Amino acid sequence: MEAVFRIGVQWLHVTAGVLWIGGGFYTILVQLPALLASPPAARGGVMPNLVPRQLNYTFRVAEFTILTGVLNLFVSGRAQELTRLDTRWSWAILAGIILAVGIYVASRATVARWAYRLVEIGPLAAGGDAAAAAQMPLLAARIRNFGYFQLAVGAVILLAMVTARFS
């Protein structure tokens, strides 16, 4: 029964990680370009519904990924190896933890603020406010650039986890 629990936790962790990073790919490569290609008036009705749902999804999946990763350390019986840092596994896991928590915290601190600002100024831009309209592409560029950075960090995390798995 213990092995089934361990496998279940690992499966949940990997699945959550795929949803987190995959959601980022979808957002940056599909959703954001489609929104930016739409006229501002069309975005106005979508953004207030989309942004809170998207952020809620992303943050909950990220939190679940981190939580199941920490749980996975303990159910695997390898948590104590992190105190020694004398194996490739321990360095890979530590790097993955630091990068995952770091990108989560950075996303909370930046992307959420920028995305809610887009929601706030969207109706103003759609109504003809030139200052709001000029600010929208700048915010979208910040989100896109951070998204690319997040995807690169995600790729490094995946590399670290594969390294750990085969160590």
N, C-alpha and C. Protein backbone atom coordinates (compact mmCIF):
# COMPACT_ATOMS: atom_id res chain seq x y z
N MET A 1 0.82 -1.20 0.00
CA MET A 1 0.00 0.00 0.00
C MET A 1 0.86 1.27 0.00
N GLU A 2 2.01 1.17 0.69
CA GLU A 2 2.92 2.31 0.74
C GLU A 2 3.43 2.67 -0.66
N ALA A 3 3.74 1.66 -1.46
CA ALA A 3 4.23 1.90 -2.82
C ALA A 3 3.16 2.57 -3.67
N VAL A 4 1.91 2.18 -3.50
CA VAL A 4 0.81 2.78 -4.26
C VAL A 4 0.68 4.26 -3.89
N PHE A 5 0.79 4.56 -2.61
CA PHE A 5 0.72 5.96 -2.17
C PHE A 5 1.87 6.77 -2.77
N ARG A 6 3.08 6.21 -2.70
CA ARG A 6 4.26 6.89 -3.24
C ARG A 6 4.10 7.15 -4.74
N ILE A 7 3.64 6.15 -5.48
CA ILE A 7 3.42 6.31 -6.93
C ILE A 7 2.33 7.34 -7.18
N GLY A 8 1.28 7.31 -6.38
CA GLY A 8 0.19 8.28 -6.54
C GLY A 8 0.65 9.71 -6.32
N VAL A 9 1.45 9.91 -5.29
CA VAL A 9 1.98 11.26 -5.01
C VAL A 9 2.89 11.72 -6.15
N GLN A 10 3.73 10.82 -6.63
CA GLN A 10 4.63 11.20 -7.72
C GLN A 10 3.83 11.51 -9.00
N TRP A 11 2.80 10.71 -9.26
CA TRP A 11 1.96 10.95 -10.44
C TRP A 11 1.27 12.30 -10.32
N LEU A 12 0.72 12.61 -9.15
CA LEU A 12 0.07 13.90 -8.95
C LEU A 12 1.05 15.05 -9.14
N HIS A 13 2.27 14.87 -8.63
CA HIS A 13 3.29 15.92 -8.75
C HIS A 13 3.66 16.16 -10.22
N VAL A 14 3.91 15.09 -10.94
CA VAL A 14 4.29 15.23 -12.36
C VAL A 14 3.13 15.81 -13.16
N THR A 15 1.92 15.33 -12.93
CA THR A 15 0.75 15.84 -13.65
C THR A 15 0.54 17.32 -13.37
N ALA A 16 0.64 17.72 -12.11
CA ALA A 16 0.48 19.13 -11.77
C ALA A 16 1.56 19.98 -12.43
N GLY A 17 2.80 19.48 -12.44
CA GLY A 17 3.89 20.21 -13.10
C GLY A 17 3.63 20.39 -14.59
N VAL A 18 3.13 19.35 -15.23
CA VAL A 18 2.81 19.43 -16.66
C VAL A 18 1.70 20.46 -16.88
N LEU A 19 0.69 20.47 -16.02
CA LEU A 19 -0.40 21.44 -16.15
C LEU A 19 0.10 22.87 -15.92
N TRP A 20 1.01 23.03 -14.98
CA TRP A 20 1.56 24.36 -14.69
C TRP A 20 2.36 24.88 -15.88
N ILE A 21 3.34 24.11 -16.31
CA ILE A 21 4.19 24.55 -17.42
C ILE A 21 3.40 24.58 -18.73
N GLY A 22 2.57 23.57 -18.95
CA GLY A 22 1.74 23.54 -20.16
C GLY A 22 0.79 24.71 -20.24
N GLY A 23 0.21 25.07 -19.09
CA GLY A 23 -0.66 26.24 -19.05
C GLY A 23 0.09 27.51 -19.41
N GLY A 24 1.34 27.59 -18.99
CA GLY A 24 2.17 28.73 -19.35
C GLY A 24 2.43 28.79 -20.85
N PHE A 25 2.74 27.63 -21.45
CA PHE A 25 2.94 27.59 -22.90
C PHE A 25 1.69 28.05 -23.63
N TYR A 26 0.54 27.53 -23.22
CA TYR A 26 -0.72 27.90 -23.86
C TYR A 26 -0.97 29.40 -23.73
N THR A 27 -0.78 29.92 -22.55
CA THR A 27 -1.04 31.34 -22.32
C THR A 27 -0.15 32.22 -23.19
N ILE A 28 1.14 31.92 -23.19
CA ILE A 28 2.10 32.78 -23.88
C ILE A 28 2.06 32.59 -25.40
N LEU A 29 1.90 31.36 -25.85
CA LEU A 29 2.00 31.10 -27.29
C LEU A 29 0.66 31.15 -28.03
N VAL A 30 -0.46 31.00 -27.31
CA VAL A 30 -1.76 30.98 -27.99
C VAL A 30 -2.67 32.11 -27.50
N GLN A 31 -2.94 32.11 -26.21
CA GLN A 31 -3.96 33.01 -25.67
C GLN A 31 -3.59 34.48 -25.76
N LEU A 32 -2.41 34.85 -25.27
CA LEU A 32 -2.01 36.26 -25.29
C LEU A 32 -1.92 36.81 -26.72
N PRO A 33 -1.29 36.10 -27.67
CA PRO A 33 -1.29 36.64 -29.04
C PRO A 33 -2.70 36.79 -29.62
N ALA A 34 -3.60 35.86 -29.31
CA ALA A 34 -4.97 35.95 -29.82
C ALA A 34 -5.68 37.17 -29.22
N LEU A 35 -5.48 37.40 -27.94
CA LEU A 35 -6.09 38.57 -27.31
C LEU A 35 -5.55 39.87 -27.90
N LEU A 36 -4.25 39.91 -28.11
CA LEU A 36 -3.65 41.13 -28.64
C LEU A 36 -4.06 41.39 -30.09
N ALA A 37 -4.40 40.33 -30.81
CA ALA A 37 -4.85 40.49 -32.19
C ALA A 37 -6.30 40.95 -32.27
N SER A 38 -7.03 40.83 -31.16
CA SER A 38 -8.43 41.25 -31.13
C SER A 38 -8.52 42.75 -30.90
N PRO A 39 -9.57 43.38 -31.44
CA PRO A 39 -9.73 44.82 -31.18
C PRO A 39 -9.98 45.07 -29.68
N PRO A 40 -9.52 46.22 -29.18
CA PRO A 40 -9.69 46.51 -27.75
C PRO A 40 -11.14 46.35 -27.26
N ALA A 41 -12.09 46.73 -28.06
CA ALA A 41 -13.49 46.62 -27.63
C ALA A 41 -13.88 45.16 -27.39
N ALA A 42 -13.33 44.26 -28.17
CA ALA A 42 -13.64 42.83 -28.01
C ALA A 42 -12.98 42.26 -26.76
N ARG A 43 -11.85 42.78 -26.38
CA ARG A 43 -11.14 42.29 -25.20
C ARG A 43 -11.85 42.67 -23.91
N GLY A 44 -12.55 43.81 -23.94
CA GLY A 44 -13.16 44.35 -22.74
C GLY A 44 -14.07 43.38 -22.02
N GLY A 45 -14.86 42.62 -22.75
CA GLY A 45 -15.78 41.69 -22.11
C GLY A 45 -15.12 40.40 -21.68
N VAL A 46 -14.01 40.07 -22.31
CA VAL A 46 -13.34 38.80 -22.03
C VAL A 46 -12.37 38.90 -20.86
N MET A 47 -11.59 39.94 -20.83
CA MET A 47 -10.51 40.05 -19.85
C MET A 47 -10.98 39.97 -18.38
N PRO A 48 -12.06 40.64 -17.99
CA PRO A 48 -12.47 40.54 -16.57
C PRO A 48 -12.87 39.12 -16.17
N ASN A 49 -13.28 38.32 -17.12
CA ASN A 49 -13.64 36.93 -16.83
C ASN A 49 -12.43 36.01 -16.93
N LEU A 50 -11.57 36.28 -17.87
CA LEU A 50 -10.44 35.40 -18.16
C LEU A 50 -9.31 35.54 -17.13
N VAL A 51 -8.91 36.74 -16.84
CA VAL A 51 -7.73 36.97 -16.00
C VAL A 51 -7.86 36.34 -14.61
N PRO A 52 -8.94 36.60 -13.87
CA PRO A 52 -9.01 35.96 -12.53
C PRO A 52 -9.01 34.43 -12.61
N ARG A 53 -9.71 33.87 -13.58
CA ARG A 53 -9.73 32.41 -13.72
C ARG A 53 -8.36 31.87 -14.07
N GLN A 54 -7.70 32.54 -15.01
CA GLN A 54 -6.37 32.09 -15.44
C GLN A 54 -5.38 32.14 -14.28
N LEU A 55 -5.36 33.24 -13.55
CA LEU A 55 -4.43 33.37 -12.44
C LEU A 55 -4.76 32.37 -11.34
N ASN A 56 -6.03 32.19 -11.05
CA ASN A 56 -6.43 31.22 -10.04
C ASN A 56 -5.96 29.82 -10.44
N TYR A 57 -6.20 29.45 -11.69
CA TYR A 57 -5.75 28.14 -12.19
C TYR A 57 -4.24 28.01 -12.05
N THR A 58 -3.52 28.98 -12.56
CA THR A 58 -2.06 28.91 -12.57
C THR A 58 -1.49 28.82 -11.15
N PHE A 59 -1.98 29.66 -10.27
CA PHE A 59 -1.44 29.66 -8.91
C PHE A 59 -1.82 28.40 -8.14
N ARG A 60 -3.05 27.91 -8.32
CA ARG A 60 -3.43 26.67 -7.61
C ARG A 60 -2.62 25.49 -8.13
N VAL A 61 -2.43 25.37 -9.44
CA VAL A 61 -1.65 24.26 -9.98
C VAL A 61 -0.19 24.38 -9.54
N ALA A 62 0.35 25.60 -9.52
CA ALA A 62 1.73 25.79 -9.05
C ALA A 62 1.85 25.38 -7.59
N GLU A 63 0.91 25.82 -6.77
CA GLU A 63 0.95 25.46 -5.34
C GLU A 63 0.83 23.95 -5.15
N PHE A 64 -0.04 23.32 -5.93
CA PHE A 64 -0.21 21.88 -5.82
C PHE A 64 1.05 21.15 -6.27
N THR A 65 1.70 21.68 -7.32
CA THR A 65 2.95 21.09 -7.79
C THR A 65 4.02 21.15 -6.69
N ILE A 66 4.16 22.30 -6.08
CA ILE A 66 5.16 22.47 -5.02
C ILE A 66 4.81 21.59 -3.82
N LEU A 67 3.55 21.60 -3.42
CA LEU A 67 3.12 20.79 -2.27
C LEU A 67 3.37 19.31 -2.51
N THR A 68 2.98 18.80 -3.67
CA THR A 68 3.18 17.37 -3.94
C THR A 68 4.66 17.05 -4.12
N GLY A 69 5.44 18.02 -4.57
CA GLY A 69 6.89 17.81 -4.67
C GLY A 69 7.52 17.63 -3.30
N VAL A 70 7.12 18.48 -2.35
CA VAL A 70 7.64 18.35 -0.99
C VAL A 70 7.15 17.04 -0.37
N LEU A 71 5.87 16.72 -0.56
CA LEU A 71 5.33 15.47 -0.05
C LEU A 71 6.06 14.28 -0.66
N ASN A 72 6.38 14.38 -1.94
CA ASN A 72 7.10 13.32 -2.64
C ASN A 72 8.47 13.07 -2.01
N LEU A 73 9.12 14.14 -1.56
CA LEU A 73 10.42 13.97 -0.88
C LEU A 73 10.30 13.05 0.33
N PHE A 74 9.24 13.25 1.09
CA PHE A 74 9.09 12.49 2.33
C PHE A 74 8.58 11.07 2.09
N VAL A 75 7.63 10.90 1.16
CA VAL A 75 7.12 9.55 0.93
C VAL A 75 8.14 8.68 0.20
N SER A 76 9.07 9.32 -0.50
CA SER A 76 10.12 8.55 -1.18
C SER A 76 11.21 8.12 -0.19
N GLY A 77 11.24 8.74 0.99
CA GLY A 77 12.26 8.43 1.99
C GLY A 77 13.60 9.08 1.71
N ARG A 78 13.63 10.06 0.79
CA ARG A 78 14.92 10.65 0.42
C ARG A 78 15.11 12.08 0.94
N ALA A 79 14.19 12.58 1.73
CA ALA A 79 14.27 13.97 2.20
C ALA A 79 15.58 14.26 2.92
N GLN A 80 16.05 13.30 3.70
CA GLN A 80 17.29 13.52 4.47
C GLN A 80 18.50 13.70 3.56
N GLU A 81 18.44 13.22 2.33
CA GLU A 81 19.57 13.39 1.40
C GLU A 81 19.81 14.86 1.06
N LEU A 82 18.77 15.69 1.19
CA LEU A 82 18.94 17.11 0.89
C LEU A 82 19.83 17.82 1.90
N THR A 83 19.99 17.24 3.08
CA THR A 83 20.83 17.88 4.09
C THR A 83 22.32 17.71 3.80
N ARG A 84 22.66 16.70 3.00
CA ARG A 84 24.08 16.43 2.72
C ARG A 84 24.56 17.13 1.46
N LEU A 85 23.72 17.22 0.46
CA LEU A 85 24.09 17.82 -0.83
C LEU A 85 25.37 17.21 -1.41
N ASP A 86 25.45 15.88 -1.34
CA ASP A 86 26.63 15.21 -1.85
C ASP A 86 26.33 14.30 -3.04
N THR A 87 25.13 14.42 -3.58
CA THR A 87 24.78 13.61 -4.75
C THR A 87 24.19 14.51 -5.84
N ARG A 88 24.23 14.02 -7.05
CA ARG A 88 23.61 14.73 -8.17
C ARG A 88 22.11 14.87 -7.93
N TRP A 89 21.50 13.83 -7.34
CA TRP A 89 20.07 13.86 -7.03
C TRP A 89 19.74 15.02 -6.10
N SER A 90 20.50 15.17 -5.02
CA SER A 90 20.19 16.22 -4.04
C SER A 90 20.35 17.61 -4.65
N TRP A 91 21.37 17.80 -5.46
CA TRP A 91 21.56 19.11 -6.11
C TRP A 91 20.45 19.40 -7.12
N ALA A 92 20.04 18.38 -7.87
CA ALA A 92 18.97 18.56 -8.86
C ALA A 92 17.65 18.88 -8.17
N ILE A 93 17.34 18.16 -7.11
CA ILE A 93 16.08 18.40 -6.38
C ILE A 93 16.10 19.78 -5.74
N LEU A 94 17.20 20.15 -5.11
CA LEU A 94 17.31 21.47 -4.49
C LEU A 94 17.16 22.58 -5.53
N ALA A 95 17.80 22.42 -6.68
CA ALA A 95 17.66 23.42 -7.75
C ALA A 95 16.21 23.51 -8.21
N GLY A 96 15.56 22.36 -8.37
CA GLY A 96 14.16 22.36 -8.78
C GLY A 96 13.26 23.06 -7.78
N ILE A 97 13.48 22.80 -6.50
CA ILE A 97 12.67 23.43 -5.45
C ILE A 97 12.87 24.95 -5.47
N ILE A 98 14.12 25.37 -5.50
CA ILE A 98 14.41 26.81 -5.48
C ILE A 98 13.82 27.51 -6.71
N LEU A 99 14.00 26.91 -7.88
CA LEU A 99 13.47 27.52 -9.10
C LEU A 99 11.95 27.54 -9.11
N ALA A 100 11.31 26.46 -8.68
CA ALA A 100 9.85 26.40 -8.68
C ALA A 100 9.25 27.42 -7.72
N VAL A 101 9.78 27.46 -6.51
CA VAL A 101 9.27 28.42 -5.52
C VAL A 101 9.59 29.85 -5.99
N GLY A 102 10.77 30.05 -6.54
CA GLY A 102 11.15 31.37 -7.03
C GLY A 102 10.25 31.87 -8.14
N ILE A 103 9.96 31.03 -9.11
CA ILE A 103 9.12 31.47 -10.22
C ILE A 103 7.68 31.67 -9.77
N TYR A 104 7.24 30.87 -8.81
CA TYR A 104 5.89 31.06 -8.26
C TYR A 104 5.79 32.42 -7.55
N VAL A 105 6.74 32.71 -6.68
CA VAL A 105 6.74 33.98 -5.94
C VAL A 105 6.86 35.16 -6.91
N ALA A 106 7.75 35.05 -7.88
CA ALA A 106 7.93 36.13 -8.85
C ALA A 106 6.66 36.34 -9.68
N SER A 107 5.98 35.28 -10.04
CA SER A 107 4.72 35.40 -10.79
C SER A 107 3.66 36.11 -9.96
N ARG A 108 3.56 35.72 -8.71
CA ARG A 108 2.59 36.37 -7.80
C ARG A 108 2.88 37.87 -7.68
N ALA A 109 4.16 38.21 -7.62
CA ALA A 109 4.55 39.60 -7.39
C ALA A 109 4.43 40.47 -8.64
N THR A 110 4.52 39.88 -9.82
CA THR A 110 4.56 40.69 -11.04
C THR A 110 3.37 40.44 -11.96
N VAL A 111 3.24 39.24 -12.44
CA VAL A 111 2.25 38.94 -13.47
C VAL A 111 0.83 39.23 -12.98
N ALA A 112 0.54 38.86 -11.75
CA ALA A 112 -0.81 39.11 -11.23
C ALA A 112 -1.12 40.61 -11.24
N ARG A 113 -0.18 41.39 -10.79
CA ARG A 113 -0.38 42.85 -10.77
C ARG A 113 -0.56 43.41 -12.17
N TRP A 114 0.27 42.97 -13.11
CA TRP A 114 0.18 43.46 -14.49
C TRP A 114 -1.13 43.02 -15.15
N ALA A 115 -1.52 41.79 -14.91
CA ALA A 115 -2.74 41.27 -15.54
C ALA A 115 -3.97 42.01 -15.01
N TYR A 116 -4.03 42.25 -13.71
CA TYR A 116 -5.17 42.99 -13.16
C TYR A 116 -5.17 44.44 -13.62
N ARG A 117 -4.00 44.98 -13.87
CA ARG A 117 -3.93 46.34 -14.43
C ARG A 117 -4.51 46.34 -15.85
N LEU A 118 -4.23 45.31 -16.63
CA LEU A 118 -4.83 45.20 -17.97
C LEU A 118 -6.35 45.18 -17.87
N VAL A 119 -6.88 44.42 -16.93
CA VAL A 119 -8.33 44.36 -16.73
C VAL A 119 -8.88 45.73 -16.37
N GLU A 120 -8.15 46.44 -15.54
CA GLU A 120 -8.58 47.76 -15.09
C GLU A 120 -8.61 48.78 -16.22
N ILE A 121 -7.58 48.78 -17.06
CA ILE A 121 -7.52 49.81 -18.10
C ILE A 121 -8.17 49.38 -19.41
N GLY A 122 -8.50 48.10 -19.53
CA GLY A 122 -9.13 47.62 -20.76
C GLY A 122 -10.37 48.40 -21.17
N PRO A 123 -11.33 48.58 -20.27
CA PRO A 123 -12.52 49.35 -20.64
C PRO A 123 -12.20 50.80 -21.00
N LEU A 124 -11.21 51.36 -20.34
CA LEU A 124 -10.81 52.73 -20.67
C LEU A 124 -10.23 52.80 -22.08
N ALA A 125 -9.38 51.85 -22.43
CA ALA A 125 -8.80 51.81 -23.78
C ALA A 125 -9.90 51.59 -24.82
N ALA A 126 -10.84 50.69 -24.51
CA ALA A 126 -11.94 50.42 -25.44
C ALA A 126 -12.82 51.65 -25.61
N GLY A 127 -12.89 52.49 -24.58
CA GLY A 127 -13.69 53.70 -24.64
C GLY A 127 -12.98 54.88 -25.29
N GLY A 128 -11.74 54.66 -25.73
CA GLY A 128 -11.03 55.72 -26.45
C GLY A 128 -9.97 56.45 -25.65
N ASP A 129 -9.70 56.03 -24.42
CA ASP A 129 -8.66 56.66 -23.61
C ASP A 129 -7.30 56.31 -24.21
N ALA A 130 -6.64 57.33 -24.76
CA ALA A 130 -5.37 57.11 -25.46
C ALA A 130 -4.26 56.65 -24.50
N ALA A 131 -4.22 57.19 -23.29
CA ALA A 131 -3.19 56.79 -22.33
C ALA A 131 -3.35 55.33 -21.94
N ALA A 132 -4.59 54.91 -21.72
CA ALA A 132 -4.84 53.51 -21.38
C ALA A 132 -4.50 52.60 -22.55
N ALA A 133 -4.87 53.03 -23.74
CA ALA A 133 -4.58 52.24 -24.95
C ALA A 133 -3.08 52.10 -25.17
N ALA A 134 -2.32 53.13 -24.85
CA ALA A 134 -0.86 53.08 -25.01
C ALA A 134 -0.22 52.19 -23.95
N GLN A 135 -0.85 52.10 -22.78
CA GLN A 135 -0.29 51.30 -21.69
C GLN A 135 -0.51 49.80 -21.91
N MET A 136 -1.58 49.44 -22.59
CA MET A 136 -1.93 48.02 -22.76
C MET A 136 -0.84 47.20 -23.44
N PRO A 137 -0.29 47.64 -24.58
CA PRO A 137 0.76 46.81 -25.19
C PRO A 137 2.02 46.71 -24.33
N LEU A 138 2.30 47.74 -23.54
CA LEU A 138 3.47 47.68 -22.65
C LEU A 138 3.28 46.63 -21.56
N LEU A 139 2.09 46.59 -20.99
CA LEU A 139 1.79 45.57 -19.98
C LEU A 139 1.79 44.18 -20.59
N ALA A 140 1.20 44.07 -21.77
CA ALA A 140 1.18 42.77 -22.45
C ALA A 140 2.60 42.30 -22.76
N ALA A 141 3.47 43.22 -23.15
CA ALA A 141 4.87 42.86 -23.42
C ALA A 141 5.58 42.39 -22.15
N ARG A 142 5.31 43.05 -21.03
CA ARG A 142 5.91 42.62 -19.76
C ARG A 142 5.46 41.19 -19.42
N ILE A 143 4.16 40.96 -19.57
CA ILE A 143 3.62 39.63 -19.26
C ILE A 143 4.22 38.59 -20.20
N ARG A 144 4.29 38.91 -21.47
CA ARG A 144 4.85 37.99 -22.46
C ARG A 144 6.32 37.70 -22.16
N ASN A 145 7.10 38.73 -21.89
CA ASN A 145 8.53 38.53 -21.60
C ASN A 145 8.74 37.72 -20.33
N PHE A 146 7.95 38.02 -19.30
CA PHE A 146 8.06 37.23 -18.08
C PHE A 146 7.62 35.80 -18.35
N GLY A 147 6.60 35.64 -19.19
CA GLY A 147 6.13 34.30 -19.56
C GLY A 147 7.22 33.49 -20.24
N TYR A 148 7.95 34.11 -21.15
CA TYR A 148 9.07 33.40 -21.80
C TYR A 148 10.14 33.02 -20.77
N PHE A 149 10.41 33.94 -19.85
CA PHE A 149 11.36 33.65 -18.78
C PHE A 149 10.85 32.48 -17.93
N GLN A 150 9.58 32.51 -17.59
CA GLN A 150 8.99 31.43 -16.79
C GLN A 150 9.08 30.09 -17.53
N LEU A 151 8.84 30.10 -18.83
CA LEU A 151 8.95 28.86 -19.60
C LEU A 151 10.38 28.34 -19.62
N ALA A 152 11.35 29.26 -19.73
CA ALA A 152 12.75 28.83 -19.70
C ALA A 152 13.10 28.23 -18.34
N VAL A 153 12.64 28.86 -17.28
CA VAL A 153 12.88 28.32 -15.93
C VAL A 153 12.19 26.97 -15.80
N GLY A 154 10.98 26.86 -16.33
CA GLY A 154 10.26 25.58 -16.31
C GLY A 154 11.04 24.49 -17.01
N ALA A 155 11.66 24.83 -18.13
CA ALA A 155 12.47 23.84 -18.85
C ALA A 155 13.68 23.41 -18.01
N VAL A 156 14.28 24.36 -17.30
CA VAL A 156 15.41 24.01 -16.42
C VAL A 156 14.93 23.13 -15.27
N ILE A 157 13.76 23.43 -14.73
CA ILE A 157 13.20 22.59 -13.66
C ILE A 157 12.97 21.18 -14.18
N LEU A 158 12.40 21.06 -15.37
CA LEU A 158 12.18 19.73 -15.95
C LEU A 158 13.50 18.99 -16.13
N LEU A 159 14.51 19.69 -16.59
CA LEU A 159 15.84 19.08 -16.75
C LEU A 159 16.36 18.60 -15.39
N ALA A 160 16.18 19.44 -14.36
CA ALA A 160 16.63 19.05 -13.02
C ALA A 160 15.88 17.82 -12.53
N MET A 161 14.57 17.76 -12.79
CA MET A 161 13.78 16.61 -12.32
C MET A 161 14.15 15.33 -13.08
N VAL A 162 14.41 15.45 -14.36
CA VAL A 162 14.85 14.26 -15.13
C VAL A 162 16.23 13.82 -14.63
N THR A 163 17.10 14.78 -14.37
CA THR A 163 18.42 14.46 -13.82
C THR A 163 18.28 13.73 -12.49
N ALA A 164 17.40 14.25 -11.63
CA ALA A 164 17.17 13.61 -10.33
C ALA A 164 16.61 12.20 -10.51
N ARG A 165 15.69 12.06 -11.41
CA ARG A 165 15.04 10.76 -11.62
C ARG A 165 16.04 9.69 -12.03
N PHE A 166 17.00 10.08 -12.84
CA PHE A 166 17.98 9.10 -13.35
C PHE A 166 19.30 9.17 -12.59
N SER A 167 19.28 9.69 -11.37
CA SER A 167 20.49 9.76 -10.54
C SER A 167 20.46 8.67 -9.49
